[in-house]
C-alpha atoms as a PDB file:
ATOM      1  CA  UNK A   1      19.354  19.890  14.975  1.00  0.00           C
ATOM      2  CA  UNK A   2      16.113  21.144  13.588  1.00  0.00           C
ATOM      3  CA  UNK A   3      16.150  18.125  10.988  1.00  0.00           C
ATOM      4  CA  UNK A   4      16.690  15.801  13.826  1.00  0.00           C
ATOM      5  CA  UNK A   5      13.878  17.063  15.846  1.00  0.00           C
ATOM      6  CA  UNK A   6      11.572  17.153  12.830  1.00  0.00           C
ATOM      7  CA  UNK A   7      12.504  13.419  12.165  1.00  0.00           C
ATOM      8  CA  UNK A   8      11.846  12.593  15.726  1.00  0.00           C
ATOM      9  CA  UNK A   9       8.231  14.005  15.381  1.00  0.00           C
ATOM     10  CA  UNK A  10       7.877  11.666  12.353  1.00  0.00           C
ATOM     11  CA  UNK A  11       9.065   8.643  14.065  1.00  0.00           C
ATOM     12  CA  UNK A  12       7.300   9.298  17.319  1.00  0.00           C
ATOM     13  CA  UNK A  13       4.378   6.534  18.020  1.00  0.00           C
ATOM     14  CA  UNK A  14       0.888   7.398  19.295  1.00  0.00           C
ATOM     15  CA  UNK A  15       0.566   8.384  22.704  1.00  0.00           C
ATOM     16  CA  UNK A  16      -2.781   6.923  23.226  1.00  0.00           C
ATOM     17  CA  UNK A  17      -3.915   3.358  23.216  1.00  0.00           C
ATOM     18  CA  UNK A  18      -6.164   2.515  20.022  1.00  0.00           C
ATOM     19  CA  UNK A  19      -6.803  -1.122  20.692  1.00  0.00           C
ATOM     20  CA  UNK A  20     -10.567  -1.964  20.376  1.00  0.00           C
ATOM     21  CA  UNK A  21     -12.182  -2.471  23.871  1.00  0.00           C
ATOM     22  CA  UNK A  22      -9.597  -0.718  25.849  1.00  0.00           C
ATOM     23  CA  UNK A  23     -10.541   1.815  28.891  1.00  0.00           C
ATOM     24  CA  UNK A  24     -10.088   5.330  28.202  1.00  0.00           C
ATOM     25  CA  UNK A  25      -7.303   6.822  30.391  1.00  0.00           C
ATOM     26  CA  UNK A  26      -7.890   9.491  32.765  1.00  0.00           C
ATOM     27  CA  UNK A  27      -7.268  13.241  31.465  1.00  0.00           C
ATOM     28  CA  UNK A  28      -7.931  14.909  28.312  1.00  0.00           C
ATOM     29  CA  UNK A  29     -10.097  12.853  25.515  1.00  0.00           C
ATOM     30  CA  UNK A  30      -7.235  14.112  22.766  1.00  0.00           C
ATOM     31  CA  UNK A  31      -3.679  13.851  23.053  1.00  0.00           C
ATOM     32  CA  UNK A  32      -1.141  15.793  20.722  1.00  0.00           C
ATOM     33  CA  UNK A  33       0.705  13.015  18.617  1.00  0.00           C
ATOM     34  CA  UNK A  34       4.342  14.441  20.085  1.00  0.00           C
ATOM     35  CA  UNK A  35       3.012  14.698  23.593  1.00  0.00           C
ATOM     36  CA  UNK A  36       5.920  12.510  24.745  1.00  0.00           C
ATOM     37  CA  UNK A  37       8.617  13.328  22.139  1.00  0.00           C
ATOM     38  CA  UNK A  38      11.119  13.694  24.667  1.00  0.00           C
ATOM     39  CA  UNK A  39      10.643   9.704  25.654  1.00  0.00           C
ATOM     40  CA  UNK A  40      10.610   8.551  22.120  1.00  0.00           C
ATOM     41  CA  UNK A  41      13.645   7.073  20.231  1.00  0.00           C
ATOM     42  CA  UNK A  42      14.182   7.520  16.390  1.00  0.00           C
ATOM     43  CA  UNK A  43      14.342   4.119  14.856  1.00  0.00           C
ATOM     44  CA  UNK A  44      15.964   4.189  11.446  1.00  0.00           C
ATOM     45  CA  UNK A  45      14.050   2.420   8.735  1.00  0.00           C
ATOM     46  CA  UNK A  46      14.827   4.185   5.886  1.00  0.00           C
ATOM     47  CA  UNK A  47      18.026   5.156   4.018  1.00  0.00           C
ATOM     48  CA  UNK A  48      19.640   8.523   4.028  1.00  0.00           C
ATOM     49  CA  UNK A  49      18.288   9.742   0.965  1.00  0.00           C
ATOM     50  CA  UNK A  50      14.869   8.874   1.768  1.00  0.00           C
ATOM     51  CA  UNK A  51      15.331  10.216   5.310  1.00  0.00           C
ATOM     52  CA  UNK A  52      16.719  13.583   3.785  1.00  0.00           C
ATOM     53  CA  UNK A  53      13.759  13.783   1.364  1.00  0.00           C
ATOM     54  CA  UNK A  54      11.337  13.336   4.060  1.00  0.00           C
ATOM     55  CA  UNK A  55      13.054  15.916   6.292  1.00  0.00           C
ATOM     56  CA  UNK A  56      12.539  18.488   3.545  1.00  0.00           C
ATOM     57  CA  UNK A  57       9.144  17.598   2.831  1.00  0.00           C
ATOM     58  CA  UNK A  58       8.177  18.346   6.558  1.00  0.00           C
ATOM     59  CA  UNK A  59      10.306  21.378   6.867  1.00  0.00           C
ATOM     60  CA  UNK A  60       8.327  22.760   3.914  1.00  0.00           C
ATOM     61  CA  UNK A  61       5.254  22.752   6.090  1.00  0.00           C
ATOM     62  CA  UNK A  62       4.157  25.815   7.818  1.00  0.00           C
ATOM     63  CA  UNK A  63       4.526  24.141  11.157  1.00  0.00           C
ATOM     64  CA  UNK A  64       4.671  20.553  12.379  1.00  0.00           C
ATOM     65  CA  UNK A  65       0.907  19.890  13.026  1.00  0.00           C
ATOM     66  CA  UNK A  66      -0.477  18.806  16.596  1.00  0.00           C
ATOM     67  CA  UNK A  67      -2.376  15.480  15.134  1.00  0.00           C
ATOM     68  CA  UNK A  68      -4.946  14.151  17.207  1.00  0.00           C
ATOM     69  CA  UNK A  69      -7.380  11.087  16.963  1.00  0.00           C
ATOM     70  CA  UNK A  70     -10.921  12.159  17.923  1.00  0.00           C
ATOM     71  CA  UNK A  71     -13.097   9.996  19.576  1.00  0.00           C
ATOM     72  CA  UNK A  72     -16.686   9.500  18.878  1.00  0.00           C
ATOM     73  CA  UNK A  73     -19.241   9.903  21.883  1.00  0.00           C
ATOM     74  CA  UNK A  74     -19.340   6.536  23.565  1.00  0.00           C
ATOM     75  CA  UNK A  75     -16.626   4.894  21.463  1.00  0.00           C
ATOM     76  CA  UNK A  76     -12.923   3.807  21.748  1.00  0.00           C
ATOM     77  CA  UNK A  77     -10.084   5.958  20.242  1.00  0.00           C
ATOM     78  CA  UNK A  78     -10.053   6.214  16.443  1.00  0.00           C
ATOM     79  CA  UNK A  79      -8.322   3.400  14.808  1.00  0.00           C
ATOM     80  CA  UNK A  80      -5.315   4.352  12.866  1.00  0.00           C
ATOM     81  CA  UNK A  81      -5.470   0.956  10.992  1.00  0.00           C
ATOM     82  CA  UNK A  82      -8.890  -0.187  10.145  1.00  0.00           C
ATOM     83  CA  UNK A  83      -9.320  -3.863   8.871  1.00  0.00           C
ATOM     84  CA  UNK A  84     -12.101  -5.054   6.660  1.00  0.00           C
ATOM     85  CA  UNK A  85     -13.252  -8.206   4.832  1.00  0.00           C
ATOM     86  CA  UNK A  86     -14.526  -7.023   1.335  1.00  0.00           C
ATOM     87  CA  UNK A  87     -15.820 -10.555   0.254  1.00  0.00           C
ATOM     88  CA  UNK A  88     -14.837 -14.264  -0.066  1.00  0.00           C
ATOM     89  CA  UNK A  89     -12.552 -16.012  -2.349  1.00  0.00           C
ATOM     90  CA  UNK A  90     -13.961 -19.103  -4.601  1.00  0.00           C
ATOM     91  CA  UNK A  91     -12.725 -21.262  -1.623  1.00  0.00           C
ATOM     92  CA  UNK A  92     -14.436 -19.014   0.817  1.00  0.00           C
ATOM     93  CA  UNK A  93     -11.198 -17.289   2.331  1.00  0.00           C
ATOM     94  CA  UNK A  94     -11.796 -13.659   3.653  1.00  0.00           C
ATOM     95  CA  UNK A  95     -10.571 -11.011   1.027  1.00  0.00           C
ATOM     96  CA  UNK A  96      -8.913  -8.725   3.844  1.00  0.00           C
ATOM     97  CA  UNK A  97      -7.810  -5.297   3.169  1.00  0.00           C
ATOM     98  CA  UNK A  98      -6.385  -2.531   5.442  1.00  0.00           C
ATOM     99  CA  UNK A  99      -7.304   1.392   5.484  1.00  0.00           C
ATOM    100  CA  UNK A 100      -4.754   3.929   7.013  1.00  0.00           C
ATOM    101  CA  UNK A 101      -5.631   7.590   7.315  1.00  0.00           C
ATOM    102  CA  UNK A 102      -8.404   9.743   6.264  1.00  0.00           C
ATOM    103  CA  UNK A 103      -6.818  12.000   3.724  1.00  0.00           C
ATOM    104  CA  UNK A 104      -8.075  13.192   0.386  1.00  0.00           C
ATOM    105  CA  UNK A 105      -4.793  11.737  -1.374  1.00  0.00           C
ATOM    106  CA  UNK A 106      -5.560   8.003  -1.885  1.00  0.00           C
ATOM    107  CA  UNK A 107      -3.125   5.262  -2.618  1.00  0.00           C
ATOM    108  CA  UNK A 108      -3.959   1.657  -3.351  1.00  0.00           C
ATOM    109  CA  UNK A 109      -1.435  -0.964  -2.864  1.00  0.00           C
ATOM    110  CA  UNK A 110      -2.069  -4.641  -3.446  1.00  0.00           C
ATOM    111  CA  UNK A 111       0.048  -7.883  -3.747  1.00  0.00           C
ATOM    112  CA  UNK A 112      -0.054 -11.578  -4.503  1.00  0.00           C
ATOM    113  CA  UNK A 113      -2.927 -11.266  -7.496  1.00  0.00           C
ATOM    114  CA  UNK A 114      -0.769 -14.342  -8.689  1.00  0.00           C
ATOM    115  CA  UNK A 115      -0.541 -16.775  -5.993  1.00  0.00           C
ATOM    116  CA  UNK A 116       2.694 -17.996  -7.116  1.00  0.00           C
ATOM    117  CA  UNK A 117       4.133 -14.517  -6.453  1.00  0.00           C
ATOM    118  CA  UNK A 118       4.102 -14.434  -2.555  1.00  0.00           C
ATOM    119  CA  UNK A 119       6.819 -12.335  -1.751  1.00  0.00           C
ATOM    120  CA  UNK A 120       4.489  -9.069  -1.754  1.00  0.00           C
ATOM    121  CA  UNK A 121       2.169 -10.119   1.104  1.00  0.00           C
ATOM    122  CA  UNK A 122       4.832  -9.557   3.782  1.00  0.00           C
ATOM    123  CA  UNK A 123       6.034  -6.503   2.230  1.00  0.00           C
ATOM    124  CA  UNK A 124       2.648  -4.841   2.091  1.00  0.00           C
ATOM    125  CA  UNK A 125       2.072  -6.197   5.746  1.00  0.00           C
ATOM    126  CA  UNK A 126       5.201  -4.338   6.812  1.00  0.00           C
ATOM    127  CA  UNK A 127       4.365  -1.250   5.055  1.00  0.00           C
ATOM    128  CA  UNK A 128       1.319  -1.284   7.310  1.00  0.00           C
ATOM    129  CA  UNK A 129       3.376  -1.579  10.191  1.00  0.00           C
ATOM    130  CA  UNK A 130       5.753   1.133   9.134  1.00  0.00           C
ATOM    131  CA  UNK A 131       2.933   3.541   8.703  1.00  0.00           C
ATOM    132  CA  UNK A 132       1.544   2.723  11.981  1.00  0.00           C
ATOM    133  CA  UNK A 133       4.736   3.367  13.541  1.00  0.00           C
ATOM    134  CA  UNK A 134       5.262   6.833  11.465  1.00  0.00           C
ATOM    135  CA  UNK A 135       1.601   8.350  11.427  1.00  0.00           C
ATOM    136  CA  UNK A 136       2.502  11.797  10.430  1.00  0.00           C
ATOM    137  CA  UNK A 137       3.219  10.224   6.981  1.00  0.00           C
ATOM    138  CA  UNK A 138      -0.436   9.669   6.797  1.00  0.00           C
ATOM    139  CA  UNK A 139      -1.340  13.464   6.870  1.00  0.00           C
ATOM    140  CA  UNK A 140      -3.616  14.359   4.088  1.00  0.00           C
ATOM    141  CA  UNK A 141      -3.599  10.598   3.040  1.00  0.00           C
ATOM    142  CA  UNK A 142      -5.587   7.648   2.785  1.00  0.00           C
ATOM    143  CA  UNK A 143      -3.767   4.224   2.086  1.00  0.00           C
ATOM    144  CA  UNK A 144      -5.586   1.245   1.226  1.00  0.00           C
ATOM    145  CA  UNK A 145      -3.842  -1.976   1.267  1.00  0.00           C
ATOM    146  CA  UNK A 146      -4.549  -5.439   0.031  1.00  0.00           C
ATOM    147  CA  UNK A 147      -1.793  -7.946   1.330  1.00  0.00           C
ATOM    148  CA  UNK A 148      -3.044 -10.948  -0.727  1.00  0.00           C
ATOM    149  CA  UNK A 149      -5.446 -10.420  -3.445  1.00  0.00           C
ATOM    150  CA  UNK A 150      -5.518 -14.033  -4.547  1.00  0.00           C
ATOM    151  CA  UNK A 151      -5.580 -16.011  -1.130  1.00  0.00           C
ATOM    152  CA  UNK A 152      -6.608 -19.441  -2.781  1.00  0.00           C
ATOM    153  CA  UNK A 153      -3.849 -19.235  -5.307  1.00  0.00           C
ATOM    154  CA  UNK A 154      -1.279 -18.192  -2.588  1.00  0.00           C
ATOM    155  CA  UNK A 155      -2.355 -21.133  -0.296  1.00  0.00           C
ATOM    156  CA  UNK A 156      -1.894 -23.671  -3.364  1.00  0.00           C
ATOM    157  CA  UNK A 157       1.416 -21.717  -4.722  1.00  0.00           C
ATOM    158  CA  UNK A 158      -0.787 -21.439  -7.896  1.00  0.00           C
ATOM    159  CA  UNK A 159      -0.799 -18.353 -10.219  1.00  0.00           C
ATOM    160  CA  UNK A 160      -4.738 -18.588 -11.092  1.00  0.00           C
ATOM    161  CA  UNK A 161      -7.506 -18.701  -8.563  1.00  0.00           C
ATOM    162  CA  UNK A 162      -9.543 -21.853  -7.530  1.00  0.00           C
ATOM    163  CA  UNK A 163     -11.528 -21.650 -10.671  1.00  0.00           C
ATOM    164  CA  UNK A 164      -8.464 -21.565 -12.678  1.00  0.00           C
ATOM    165  CA  UNK A 165      -8.637 -17.914 -13.872  1.00  0.00           C
ATOM    166  CA  UNK A 166      -5.828 -15.838 -14.046  1.00  0.00           C
ATOM    167  CA  UNK A 167      -7.084 -12.633 -12.057  1.00  0.00           C
ATOM    168  CA  UNK A 168      -4.624 -10.189 -13.678  1.00  0.00           C
ATOM    169  CA  UNK A 169      -6.240 -10.843 -17.142  1.00  0.00           C
ATOM    170  CA  UNK A 170     -10.022 -10.631 -15.529  1.00  0.00           C
ATOM    171  CA  UNK A 171     -10.851  -6.899 -15.749  1.00  0.00           C
ATOM    172  CA  UNK A 172     -12.837  -5.084 -18.339  1.00  0.00           C
ATOM    173  CA  UNK A 173     -10.324  -3.716 -20.816  1.00  0.00           C
ATOM    174  CA  UNK A 174     -10.500  -2.696 -24.733  1.00  0.00           C
ATOM    175  CA  UNK A 175      -7.713  -5.402 -25.153  1.00  0.00           C
ATOM    176  CA  UNK A 176      -9.460  -8.038 -23.287  1.00  0.00           C
ATOM    177  CA  UNK A 177      -9.874 -11.639 -24.719  1.00  0.00           C
ATOM    178  CA  UNK A 178     -12.496 -14.004 -23.268  1.00  0.00           C
ATOM    179  CA  UNK A 179     -11.093 -17.403 -22.402  1.00  0.00           C
ATOM    180  CA  UNK A 180     -11.305 -20.200 -19.899  1.00  0.00           C
ATOM    181  CA  UNK A 181      -7.763 -19.086 -18.669  1.00  0.00           C
ATOM    182  CA  UNK A 182      -8.698 -15.478 -18.225  1.00  0.00           C
ATOM    183  CA  UNK A 183     -12.343 -15.892 -17.594  1.00  0.00           C
ATOM    184  CA  UNK A 184     -15.373 -16.099 -20.138  1.00  0.00           C
ATOM    185  CA  UNK A 185     -16.380 -12.724 -19.248  1.00  0.00           C
ATOM    186  CA  UNK A 186     -14.745  -9.906 -17.599  1.00  0.00           C
ATOM    187  CA  UNK A 187     -15.042  -9.825 -13.560  1.00  0.00           C
ATOM    188  CA  UNK A 188     -16.508 -13.400 -13.449  1.00  0.00           C
ATOM    189  CA  UNK A 189     -14.235 -13.977 -10.370  1.00  0.00           C
ATOM    190  CA  UNK A 190     -15.035 -12.739  -6.740  1.00  0.00           C
ATOM    191  CA  UNK A 191     -11.423 -11.653  -6.210  1.00  0.00           C
ATOM    192  CA  UNK A 192     -11.120  -9.496  -9.219  1.00  0.00           C
ATOM    193  CA  UNK A 193     -14.712  -7.984  -8.299  1.00  0.00           C
ATOM    194  CA  UNK A 194     -13.163  -7.470  -5.205  1.00  0.00           C
ATOM    195  CA  UNK A 195     -10.383  -5.070  -6.460  1.00  0.00           C
ATOM    196  CA  UNK A 196     -12.947  -3.588  -9.048  1.00  0.00           C
ATOM    197  CA  UNK A 197     -15.073  -2.429  -5.985  1.00  0.00           C
ATOM    198  CA  UNK A 198     -12.182  -1.014  -4.131  1.00  0.00           C
ATOM    199  CA  UNK A 199     -10.907   0.916  -6.859  1.00  0.00           C
ATOM    200  CA  UNK A 200     -14.562   2.547  -7.326  1.00  0.00           C
ATOM    201  CA  UNK A 201     -15.096   2.815  -3.675  1.00  0.00           C
ATOM    202  CA  UNK A 202     -11.871   4.613  -2.788  1.00  0.00           C
ATOM    203  CA  UNK A 203     -11.197   6.200  -6.228  1.00  0.00           C
ATOM    204  CA  UNK A 204      -7.366   6.076  -5.889  1.00  0.00           C
ATOM    205  CA  UNK A 205      -4.870   8.823  -7.121  1.00  0.00           C
ATOM    206  CA  UNK A 206      -2.505   5.944  -7.749  1.00  0.00           C
ATOM    207  CA  UNK A 207      -1.966   2.130  -7.662  1.00  0.00           C
ATOM    208  CA  UNK A 208       1.078  -0.212  -6.951  1.00  0.00           C
ATOM    209  CA  UNK A 209       0.546  -3.973  -7.818  1.00  0.00           C
ATOM    210  CA  UNK A 210       3.310  -5.898  -6.207  1.00  0.00           C
ATOM    211  CA  UNK A 211       4.353  -8.919  -8.495  1.00  0.00           C
ATOM    212  CA  UNK A 212       7.199 -11.293  -9.132  1.00  0.00           C
ATOM    213  CA  UNK A 213       9.512 -12.343 -10.710  1.00  0.00           C
ATOM    214  CA  UNK A 214      10.380  -9.899 -13.561  1.00  0.00           C
ATOM    215  CA  UNK A 215      12.912  -7.732 -11.361  1.00  0.00           C
ATOM    216  CA  UNK A 216      11.782  -4.287 -12.868  1.00  0.00           C
ATOM    217  CA  UNK A 217       9.247  -1.380 -12.571  1.00  0.00           C
ATOM    218  CA  UNK A 218       6.725  -1.454 -14.915  1.00  0.00           C
ATOM    219  CA  UNK A 219       3.821   1.192 -15.366  1.00  0.00           C
ATOM    220  CA  UNK A 220       0.427   1.829 -17.349  1.00  0.00           C
ATOM    221  CA  UNK A 221      -1.341   5.130 -17.710  1.00  0.00           C
ATOM    222  CA  UNK A 222      -0.011   8.471 -16.466  1.00  0.00           C
ATOM    223  CA  UNK A 223       2.629   6.764 -13.918  1.00  0.00           C
ATOM    224  CA  UNK A 224       6.068   7.709 -15.649  1.00  0.00           C
ATOM    225  CA  UNK A 225       6.848  10.181 -12.735  1.00  0.00           C
ATOM    226  CA  UNK A 226       5.586   7.796 -10.006  1.00  0.00           C
ATOM    227  CA  UNK A 227       7.670   5.064 -11.417  1.00  0.00           C
ATOM    228  CA  UNK A 228      10.587   7.385 -11.686  1.00  0.00           C
ATOM    229  CA  UNK A 229      10.199   8.452  -7.996  1.00  0.00           C
ATOM    230  CA  UNK A 230       9.915   4.813  -6.578  1.00  0.00           C
ATOM    231  CA  UNK A 231      13.047   3.698  -8.746  1.00  0.00           C
ATOM    232  CA  UNK A 232      15.434   6.025  -6.825  1.00  0.00           C
ATOM    233  CA  UNK A 233      14.658   3.974  -3.791  1.00  0.00           C
ATOM    234  CA  UNK A 234      15.539   0.592  -4.981  1.00  0.00           C
ATOM    235  CA  UNK A 235      17.773  -1.139  -7.433  1.00  0.00           C
ATOM    236  CA  UNK A 236      14.894  -2.216  -9.833  1.00  0.00           C
ATOM    237  CA  UNK A 237      15.230  -0.720 -13.449  1.00  0.00           C
ATOM    238  CA  UNK A 238      12.153   0.875 -15.074  1.00  0.00           C
ATOM    239  CA  UNK A 239      10.906  -1.431 -18.224  1.00  0.00           C
ATOM    240  CA  UNK A 240       7.798  -0.598 -20.077  1.00  0.00           C
ATOM    241  CA  UNK A 241       6.405  -3.990 -20.467  1.00  0.00           C
ATOM    242  CA  UNK A 242       3.098  -3.069 -22.295  1.00  0.00           C
ATOM    243  CA  UNK A 243      -0.437  -3.369 -21.386  1.00  0.00           C
ATOM    244  CA  UNK A 244      -1.455  -7.023 -21.181  1.00  0.00           C
ATOM    245  CA  UNK A 245      -5.054  -8.198 -22.084  1.00  0.00           C
ATOM    246  CA  UNK A 246      -7.442  -7.567 -19.280  1.00  0.00           C
ATOM    247  CA  UNK A 247      -4.892  -6.677 -16.878  1.00  0.00           C
ATOM    248  CA  UNK A 248      -5.166  -4.562 -13.985  1.00  0.00           C
ATOM    249  CA  UNK A 249      -2.658  -2.175 -15.485  1.00  0.00           C
ATOM    250  CA  UNK A 250      -4.800  -2.079 -18.685  1.00  0.00           C
ATOM    251  CA  UNK A 251      -7.904  -1.314 -16.618  1.00  0.00           C
ATOM    252  CA  UNK A 252      -6.769   1.147 -14.082  1.00  0.00           C
ATOM    253  CA  UNK A 253      -3.832   2.692 -16.305  1.00  0.00           C
ATOM    254  CA  UNK A 254      -5.755   2.907 -19.826  1.00  0.00           C
ATOM    255  CA  UNK A 255      -9.356   2.494 -19.102  1.00  0.00           C
ATOM    256  CA  UNK A 256      -9.741   4.606 -15.971  1.00  0.00           C
ATOM    257  CA  UNK A 257      -6.436   6.823 -16.416  1.00  0.00           C
ATOM    258  CA  UNK A 258      -5.272   5.925 -12.914  1.00  0.00           C
ATOM    259  CA  UNK A 259      -1.506   5.920 -12.575  1.00  0.00           C
ATOM    260  CA  UNK A 260      -0.295   2.558 -11.800  1.00  0.00           C
ATOM    261  CA  UNK A 261       3.002   0.781 -11.047  1.00  0.00           C
ATOM    262  CA  UNK A 262       3.614  -3.172 -11.514  1.00  0.00           C
ATOM    263  CA  UNK A 263       6.410  -3.389  -8.833  1.00  0.00           C
ATOM    264  CA  UNK A 264       8.161  -6.527 -10.112  1.00  0.00           C
ATOM    265  CA  UNK A 265      10.652  -8.055  -7.412  1.00  0.00           C
ATOM    266  CA  UNK A 266      12.820 -10.923  -8.376  1.00  0.00           C
ATOM    267  CA  UNK A 267      11.928 -14.578  -8.114  1.00  0.00           C
ATOM    268  CA  UNK A 268      14.356 -15.183  -5.132  1.00  0.00           C
ATOM    269  CA  UNK A 269      12.178 -12.649  -3.105  1.00  0.00           C
ATOM    270  CA  UNK A 270       9.874 -15.085  -2.351  1.00  0.00           C
ATOM    271  CA  UNK A 271      12.329 -17.372  -0.337  1.00  0.00           C
ATOM    272  CA  UNK A 272      14.197 -14.329   1.353  1.00  0.00           C
ATOM    273  CA  UNK A 273      13.343 -13.373   4.958  1.00  0.00           C
ATOM    274  CA  UNK A 274      10.672 -10.812   5.066  1.00  0.00           C
ATOM    275  CA  UNK A 275      12.898  -8.303   6.708  1.00  0.00           C
ATOM    276  CA  UNK A 276      15.450  -8.495   4.053  1.00  0.00           C
ATOM    277  CA  UNK A 277      12.874  -7.742   1.465  1.00  0.00           C
ATOM    278  CA  UNK A 278      11.573  -4.836   3.258  1.00  0.00           C
ATOM    279  CA  UNK A 279      15.240  -3.527   3.767  1.00  0.00           C
ATOM    280  CA  UNK A 280      15.761  -3.718  -0.122  1.00  0.00           C
ATOM    281  CA  UNK A 281      12.187  -2.719  -1.350  1.00  0.00           C
ATOM    282  CA  UNK A 282      10.291  -1.141   1.367  1.00  0.00           C
ATOM    283  CA  UNK A 283      11.725   2.265   0.620  1.00  0.00           C
ATOM    284  CA  UNK A 284      10.033   2.245  -2.825  1.00  0.00           C
ATOM    285  CA  UNK A 285       6.827   1.492  -1.407  1.00  0.00           C
ATOM    286  CA  UNK A 286       7.257   4.500   1.276  1.00  0.00           C
ATOM    287  CA  UNK A 287       7.976   6.712  -1.615  1.00  0.00           C
ATOM    288  CA  UNK A 288       4.994   5.509  -3.484  1.00  0.00           C
ATOM    289  CA  UNK A 289       2.851   6.632  -0.539  1.00  0.00           C
ATOM    290  CA  UNK A 290       4.420  10.176  -0.195  1.00  0.00           C
ATOM    291  CA  UNK A 291       4.331  10.699  -4.011  1.00  0.00           C
ATOM    292  CA  UNK A 292       3.744  13.267  -5.497  1.00  0.00           C
ATOM    293  CA  UNK A 293       5.072  15.435  -2.567  1.00  0.00           C
ATOM    294  CA  UNK A 294       8.249  13.569  -2.488  1.00  0.00           C
ATOM    295  CA  UNK A 295       8.770  13.889  -6.109  1.00  0.00           C
ATOM    296  CA  UNK A 296       8.801  17.944  -5.901  1.00  0.00           C
END
């Protein structure tokens, strides 16, 4: 019974309306997250293994916290999900990202840096929805999400950006090669500069980049335990592919020393229904968010 109660706390939704411009309801300015727990139904989105691990993690806390969302004077409620535009692509599409939570532990998850590998975009969008439904997972964490790092390539089903540059070969690394395909200089493209700025702005403790079609979990830098943790919650095997020249894996993992996982979905994931992809691989992304606590 105690585990069920804890999981209900994890699953409950915000008891205050957080949409912009809405009127503030009468009563206290702050509401505890589980104020209406008895009216909340637990919707199971994760498998039993992850559910049990989450229960153990929460039970290890001294007590379930009364999380509140503070309001600034004269403003609407604190936004659980903040949406930003960090720049413009070559074809002037917005480079959008989401930020959830305000904790010290920071994870950066991006998808579709190769435009013809689109399955990660709805997967990351679904992760944002899931975290909004389970805000206790954000306790002590900041999650930065880029659903589509290469919007021009995605719109045209093309690996490269609109300049014909492979964005995942455009970072400043020791193994980088200047070329037309990889860019004549590092960070020559607005999309790679956008990712570079986010890394230095938020200083993530770990990064996950969602790709296709190699059907495995690759990693660079000190990310083996992160890869192992994610592999427990999906059917993708761990395969060390090696740092590619000028890649994000080389830059983050080898140059900056940030643990980074390249989460390679199967080729057919781009044709599958988004909920089907989430059912198969969503647990692994949730595990990456909860790591390293989940790995203990």
